[in-house]
């Protein structure tokens, strides 16, 4: 597979972000037991899904408002 320069840079940036996230997770979970880690991850997942839902609701409201105008 051949990548152009932009695609290659996007791949490297994505790998760098994943590596940073793995390091952050490792640092944040040192000394915690597995159940506490899973509870924290579940809480973060719930917050992220709630934020996504709120954004979608705002977009839908703006779309309806735009259609009415």
C-alpha atoms as a PDB file:
ATOM      1  CA  UNK A   1       0.000   0.000   0.000  1.00  0.00           C
ATOM      2  CA  UNK A   2       1.384   3.405  -0.961  1.00  0.00           C
ATOM      3  CA  UNK A   3       0.598   6.487   1.110  1.00  0.00           C
ATOM      4  CA  UNK A   4       1.103  10.089   0.163  1.00  0.00           C
ATOM      5  CA  UNK A   5       2.832  12.446   2.592  1.00  0.00           C
ATOM      6  CA  UNK A   6      -0.424  13.717   4.167  1.00  0.00           C
ATOM      7  CA  UNK A   7      -1.769  10.208   4.771  1.00  0.00           C
ATOM      8  CA  UNK A   8       1.543   9.119   6.262  1.00  0.00           C
ATOM      9  CA  UNK A   9       1.557  12.109   8.635  1.00  0.00           C
ATOM     10  CA  UNK A  10      -2.047  11.369   9.684  1.00  0.00           C
ATOM     11  CA  UNK A  11      -1.091   7.776  10.465  1.00  0.00           C
ATOM     12  CA  UNK A  12       1.947   8.858  12.485  1.00  0.00           C
ATOM     13  CA  UNK A  13      -0.117  11.441  14.392  1.00  0.00           C
ATOM     14  CA  UNK A  14      -2.805   8.861  15.163  1.00  0.00           C
ATOM     15  CA  UNK A  15      -0.192   6.394  16.416  1.00  0.00           C
ATOM     16  CA  UNK A  16       1.371   9.133  18.545  1.00  0.00           C
ATOM     17  CA  UNK A  17      -2.023  10.002  20.060  1.00  0.00           C
ATOM     18  CA  UNK A  18      -2.722   6.343  20.828  1.00  0.00           C
ATOM     19  CA  UNK A  19       0.690   5.964  22.466  1.00  0.00           C
ATOM     20  CA  UNK A  20       0.108   9.094  24.573  1.00  0.00           C
ATOM     21  CA  UNK A  21      -3.324   7.821  25.602  1.00  0.00           C
ATOM     22  CA  UNK A  22      -1.862   4.461  26.607  1.00  0.00           C
ATOM     23  CA  UNK A  23       0.799   6.182  28.715  1.00  0.00           C
ATOM     24  CA  UNK A  24      -1.790   8.450  30.352  1.00  0.00           C
ATOM     25  CA  UNK A  25      -3.992   5.459  31.140  1.00  0.00           C
ATOM     26  CA  UNK A  26      -1.026   3.573  32.553  1.00  0.00           C
ATOM     27  CA  UNK A  27      -0.058   6.489  34.794  1.00  0.00           C
ATOM     28  CA  UNK A  28      -3.634   7.121  35.909  1.00  0.00           C
ATOM     29  CA  UNK A  29      -4.268   3.507  36.857  1.00  0.00           C
ATOM     30  CA  UNK A  30      -1.083   2.775  38.792  1.00  0.00           C
ATOM     31  CA  UNK A  31      -1.985   1.398  42.184  1.00  0.00           C
ATOM     32  CA  UNK A  32      -5.646   0.861  41.310  1.00  0.00           C
ATOM     33  CA  UNK A  33      -7.302  -2.514  41.252  1.00  0.00           C
ATOM     34  CA  UNK A  34      -8.991  -3.813  38.114  1.00  0.00           C
ATOM     35  CA  UNK A  35     -12.539  -3.195  39.372  1.00  0.00           C
ATOM     36  CA  UNK A  36     -11.783   0.472  40.075  1.00  0.00           C
ATOM     37  CA  UNK A  37     -10.220   0.893  36.640  1.00  0.00           C
ATOM     38  CA  UNK A  38     -13.264  -0.656  34.941  1.00  0.00           C
ATOM     39  CA  UNK A  39     -15.619   1.542  36.986  1.00  0.00           C
ATOM     40  CA  UNK A  40     -13.668   4.657  35.985  1.00  0.00           C
ATOM     41  CA  UNK A  41     -13.675   3.654  32.311  1.00  0.00           C
ATOM     42  CA  UNK A  42     -17.422   2.980  32.446  1.00  0.00           C
ATOM     43  CA  UNK A  43     -17.984   6.419  33.956  1.00  0.00           C
ATOM     44  CA  UNK A  44     -15.909   8.077  31.229  1.00  0.00           C
ATOM     45  CA  UNK A  45     -17.749   6.118  28.543  1.00  0.00           C
ATOM     46  CA  UNK A  46     -21.114   7.199  29.979  1.00  0.00           C
ATOM     47  CA  UNK A  47     -20.011  10.848  30.060  1.00  0.00           C
ATOM     48  CA  UNK A  48     -18.749  10.659  26.478  1.00  0.00           C
ATOM     49  CA  UNK A  49     -21.986   9.101  25.245  1.00  0.00           C
ATOM     50  CA  UNK A  50     -24.014  11.708  27.123  1.00  0.00           C
ATOM     51  CA  UNK A  51     -21.968  14.480  25.507  1.00  0.00           C
ATOM     52  CA  UNK A  52     -22.442  12.966  22.051  1.00  0.00           C
ATOM     53  CA  UNK A  53     -26.188  12.731  22.610  1.00  0.00           C
ATOM     54  CA  UNK A  54     -26.338  16.359  23.748  1.00  0.00           C
ATOM     55  CA  UNK A  55     -24.433  17.493  20.653  1.00  0.00           C
ATOM     56  CA  UNK A  56     -26.760  15.498  18.398  1.00  0.00           C
ATOM     57  CA  UNK A  57     -29.786  17.053  20.088  1.00  0.00           C
ATOM     58  CA  UNK A  58     -28.395  20.543  19.529  1.00  0.00           C
ATOM     59  CA  UNK A  59     -27.607  19.737  15.890  1.00  0.00           C
ATOM     60  CA  UNK A  60     -31.119  18.379  15.394  1.00  0.00           C
ATOM     61  CA  UNK A  61     -32.652  21.476  16.973  1.00  0.00           C
ATOM     62  CA  UNK A  62     -30.511  23.738  14.803  1.00  0.00           C
ATOM     63  CA  UNK A  63     -31.451  21.730  11.716  1.00  0.00           C
ATOM     64  CA  UNK A  64     -35.153  22.056  12.487  1.00  0.00           C
ATOM     65  CA  UNK A  65     -34.742  25.754  13.201  1.00  0.00           C
ATOM     66  CA  UNK A  66     -32.842  26.226   9.921  1.00  0.00           C
ATOM     67  CA  UNK A  67     -35.585  24.390   8.007  1.00  0.00           C
ATOM     68  CA  UNK A  68     -38.249  26.619   9.554  1.00  0.00           C
ATOM     69  CA  UNK A  69     -36.382  29.770   8.524  1.00  0.00           C
END
